[in-house]
Amino acid sequence: DVINKEKDALHQKELWLIKNDLDNDANSLSKIQKVYNHKVKLVSREDVEKAISQKNANVAYLHLVLPRTTSDKSRSWKFILSAEDGKPLFYTYAKTKIGDDGKLSAKDLKKMN
């Protein structure tokens, strides 16, 4: 709950997402903009690394922690971090199932509003 109180700070930044980290229901700007009401951009992994190394104060990015294998007991963790200082701005997790890769979904994006 403490981290998720930083949503106002998140909304002041542009959320940078990598397409490979997104679930099918959120894998394009048009799908994302239907559920997330703030600035967002699809970028490459290299773009995110550059924003972090430059400590870009205007960027937040997704750090995705996925299980090695999926089962009914697996979880995926989704952290939104500030590129400027690594400060967590939002996080959520989800139980994964066989066939569910645990990537960032439209449901997760709705929670970030």
C-alpha atoms as a PDB file:
ATOM      1  CA  ASP A   1       0.000   0.000   0.000  1.00  0.00           C
ATOM      2  CA  VAL A   2       2.863   2.387   0.770  1.00  0.00           C
ATOM      3  CA  ILE A   3       4.279   2.010  -2.744  1.00  0.00           C
ATOM      4  CA  ASN A   4       0.915   2.391  -4.415  1.00  0.00           C
ATOM      5  CA  LYS A   5       0.443   5.769  -2.718  1.00  0.00           C
ATOM      6  CA  GLU A   6       3.039   7.014  -5.217  1.00  0.00           C
ATOM      7  CA  LYS A   7       0.560   6.839  -8.119  1.00  0.00           C
ATOM      8  CA  ASP A   8       0.433  10.638  -8.297  1.00  0.00           C
ATOM      9  CA  ALA A   9       4.191  10.668  -8.922  1.00  0.00           C
ATOM     10  CA  LEU A  10       3.718   7.965 -11.569  1.00  0.00           C
ATOM     11  CA  HIS A  11       1.069  10.026 -13.331  1.00  0.00           C
ATOM     12  CA  GLN A  12       3.554  12.912 -13.653  1.00  0.00           C
ATOM     13  CA  LYS A  13       5.912  10.678 -15.648  1.00  0.00           C
ATOM     14  CA  GLU A  14       5.706   9.003 -19.027  1.00  0.00           C
ATOM     15  CA  LEU A  15       5.309   5.248 -18.591  1.00  0.00           C
ATOM     16  CA  TRP A  16       7.697   3.386 -20.885  1.00  0.00           C
ATOM     17  CA  LEU A  17       6.727  -0.184 -21.712  1.00  0.00           C
ATOM     18  CA  ILE A  18       8.410  -2.892 -23.772  1.00  0.00           C
ATOM     19  CA  LYS A  19       5.985  -4.750 -26.027  1.00  0.00           C
ATOM     20  CA  ASN A  20       7.392  -8.193 -25.082  1.00  0.00           C
ATOM     21  CA  ASP A  21       6.472  -7.507 -21.433  1.00  0.00           C
ATOM     22  CA  LEU A  22       2.791  -6.933 -22.251  1.00  0.00           C
ATOM     23  CA  ASP A  23      -0.090  -9.385 -22.252  1.00  0.00           C
ATOM     24  CA  ASN A  24      -2.137  -9.746 -25.441  1.00  0.00           C
ATOM     25  CA  ASP A  25      -4.877  -7.477 -24.070  1.00  0.00           C
ATOM     26  CA  ALA A  26      -2.368  -4.621 -23.650  1.00  0.00           C
ATOM     27  CA  ASN A  27       0.165  -5.083 -26.441  1.00  0.00           C
ATOM     28  CA  SER A  28      -0.500  -1.892 -28.427  1.00  0.00           C
ATOM     29  CA  LEU A  29      -0.870   1.808 -27.665  1.00  0.00           C
ATOM     30  CA  SER A  30      -4.518   1.760 -28.686  1.00  0.00           C
ATOM     31  CA  LYS A  31      -5.286  -1.068 -26.219  1.00  0.00           C
ATOM     32  CA  ILE A  32      -3.278   0.577 -23.442  1.00  0.00           C
ATOM     33  CA  GLN A  33      -4.901   3.991 -23.903  1.00  0.00           C
ATOM     34  CA  LYS A  34      -8.353   2.447 -23.463  1.00  0.00           C
ATOM     35  CA  VAL A  35      -7.492   1.487 -19.871  1.00  0.00           C
ATOM     36  CA  TYR A  36      -4.610   3.771 -18.801  1.00  0.00           C
ATOM     37  CA  ASN A  37      -5.340   7.515 -18.758  1.00  0.00           C
ATOM     38  CA  HIS A  38      -1.803   8.893 -18.591  1.00  0.00           C
ATOM     39  CA  LYS A  39       1.277   9.325 -20.797  1.00  0.00           C
ATOM     40  CA  VAL A  40       2.647   6.040 -22.145  1.00  0.00           C
ATOM     41  CA  LYS A  41       5.148   5.031 -24.796  1.00  0.00           C
ATOM     42  CA  LEU A  42       6.222   1.694 -26.269  1.00  0.00           C
ATOM     43  CA  VAL A  43      10.020   1.535 -26.353  1.00  0.00           C
ATOM     44  CA  SER A  44      12.920  -0.900 -26.677  1.00  0.00           C
ATOM     45  CA  ARG A  45      14.850  -2.458 -23.803  1.00  0.00           C
ATOM     46  CA  GLU A  46      17.799  -0.290 -24.846  1.00  0.00           C
ATOM     47  CA  ASP A  47      15.657   2.852 -24.503  1.00  0.00           C
ATOM     48  CA  VAL A  48      14.793   1.882 -20.923  1.00  0.00           C
ATOM     49  CA  GLU A  49      18.439   1.146 -20.107  1.00  0.00           C
ATOM     50  CA  LYS A  50      19.424   4.560 -21.503  1.00  0.00           C
ATOM     51  CA  ALA A  51      16.731   6.342 -19.448  1.00  0.00           C
ATOM     52  CA  ILE A  52      18.004   4.600 -16.313  1.00  0.00           C
ATOM     53  CA  SER A  53      21.664   5.398 -17.017  1.00  0.00           C
ATOM     54  CA  GLN A  54      20.752   9.043 -17.698  1.00  0.00           C
ATOM     55  CA  LYS A  55      18.521   9.148 -14.590  1.00  0.00           C
ATOM     56  CA  ASN A  56      15.666  10.536 -16.681  1.00  0.00           C
ATOM     57  CA  ALA A  57      13.263  12.209 -14.241  1.00  0.00           C
ATOM     58  CA  ASN A  58      10.391  12.083 -16.734  1.00  0.00           C
ATOM     59  CA  VAL A  59      10.320   8.301 -17.201  1.00  0.00           C
ATOM     60  CA  ALA A  60       8.831   5.392 -15.269  1.00  0.00           C
ATOM     61  CA  TYR A  61       9.299   1.829 -16.491  1.00  0.00           C
ATOM     62  CA  LEU A  62       8.087  -1.703 -15.835  1.00  0.00           C
ATOM     63  CA  HIS A  63      10.288  -4.206 -14.028  1.00  0.00           C
ATOM     64  CA  LEU A  64       8.684  -7.607 -14.518  1.00  0.00           C
ATOM     65  CA  VAL A  65       9.569 -10.613 -12.338  1.00  0.00           C
ATOM     66  CA  LEU A  66       8.242 -13.831 -13.819  1.00  0.00           C
ATOM     67  CA  PRO A  67       8.406 -17.371 -12.443  1.00  0.00           C
ATOM     68  CA  ARG A  68      10.705 -19.847 -14.164  1.00  0.00           C
ATOM     69  CA  THR A  69       7.776 -22.171 -14.698  1.00  0.00           C
ATOM     70  CA  THR A  70       4.067 -21.550 -14.335  1.00  0.00           C
ATOM     71  CA  SER A  71       1.827 -23.534 -12.072  1.00  0.00           C
ATOM     72  CA  ASP A  72      -1.201 -22.795  -9.932  1.00  0.00           C
ATOM     73  CA  LYS A  73       1.173 -21.631  -7.173  1.00  0.00           C
ATOM     74  CA  SER A  74       3.373 -19.332  -9.287  1.00  0.00           C
ATOM     75  CA  ARG A  75       3.223 -15.549  -9.119  1.00  0.00           C
ATOM     76  CA  SER A  76       4.393 -12.763 -11.349  1.00  0.00           C
ATOM     77  CA  TRP A  77       5.427  -9.433  -9.827  1.00  0.00           C
ATOM     78  CA  LYS A  78       5.051  -6.151 -11.699  1.00  0.00           C
ATOM     79  CA  PHE A  79       6.918  -3.094 -10.434  1.00  0.00           C
ATOM     80  CA  ILE A  80       6.786   0.391 -11.933  1.00  0.00           C
ATOM     81  CA  LEU A  81      10.011   2.197 -11.064  1.00  0.00           C
ATOM     82  CA  SER A  82      11.298   5.714 -11.551  1.00  0.00           C
ATOM     83  CA  ALA A  83      14.190   5.846 -14.040  1.00  0.00           C
ATOM     84  CA  GLU A  84      15.575   8.788 -12.104  1.00  0.00           C
ATOM     85  CA  ASP A  85      16.251   7.014  -8.820  1.00  0.00           C
ATOM     86  CA  GLY A  86      14.736   3.510  -8.955  1.00  0.00           C
ATOM     87  CA  LYS A  87      11.999   4.505  -6.526  1.00  0.00           C
ATOM     88  CA  PRO A  88       9.007   2.143  -6.688  1.00  0.00           C
ATOM     89  CA  LEU A  89       5.900   4.001  -7.824  1.00  0.00           C
ATOM     90  CA  PHE A  90       3.474   1.092  -8.153  1.00  0.00           C
ATOM     91  CA  TYR A  91       3.415  -2.658  -7.850  1.00  0.00           C
ATOM     92  CA  THR A  92       1.029  -5.531  -8.200  1.00  0.00           C
ATOM     93  CA  TYR A  93       1.261  -9.268  -8.494  1.00  0.00           C
ATOM     94  CA  ALA A  94      -0.831 -11.995 -10.001  1.00  0.00           C
ATOM     95  CA  LYS A  95      -1.082 -15.723  -9.625  1.00  0.00           C
ATOM     96  CA  THR A  96      -0.123 -17.431 -12.829  1.00  0.00           C
ATOM     97  CA  LYS A  97      -1.586 -20.574 -14.293  1.00  0.00           C
ATOM     98  CA  ILE A  98      -0.333 -22.958 -16.895  1.00  0.00           C
ATOM     99  CA  GLY A  99      -0.623 -21.077 -20.188  1.00  0.00           C
ATOM    100  CA  ASP A 100      -0.578 -17.658 -18.461  1.00  0.00           C
ATOM    101  CA  ASP A 101       2.759 -15.907 -18.834  1.00  0.00           C
ATOM    102  CA  GLY A 102       2.096 -13.310 -16.104  1.00  0.00           C
ATOM    103  CA  LYS A 103       2.935 -10.251 -18.201  1.00  0.00           C
ATOM    104  CA  LEU A 104       1.471  -6.767 -17.649  1.00  0.00           C
ATOM    105  CA  SER A 105      -2.222  -6.848 -18.524  1.00  0.00           C
ATOM    106  CA  ALA A 106      -5.013  -4.356 -19.146  1.00  0.00           C
ATOM    107  CA  LYS A 107      -6.304  -5.168 -15.654  1.00  0.00           C
ATOM    108  CA  ASP A 108      -2.926  -4.163 -14.186  1.00  0.00           C
ATOM    109  CA  LEU A 109      -2.929  -0.920 -16.164  1.00  0.00           C
ATOM    110  CA  LYS A 110      -6.427  -0.051 -14.887  1.00  0.00           C
ATOM    111  CA  LYS A 111      -5.113  -0.384 -11.314  1.00  0.00           C
ATOM    112  CA  MET A 112      -2.468   2.258 -12.075  1.00  0.00           C
ATOM    113  CA  ASN A 113      -5.017   5.014 -12.820  1.00  0.00           C
END
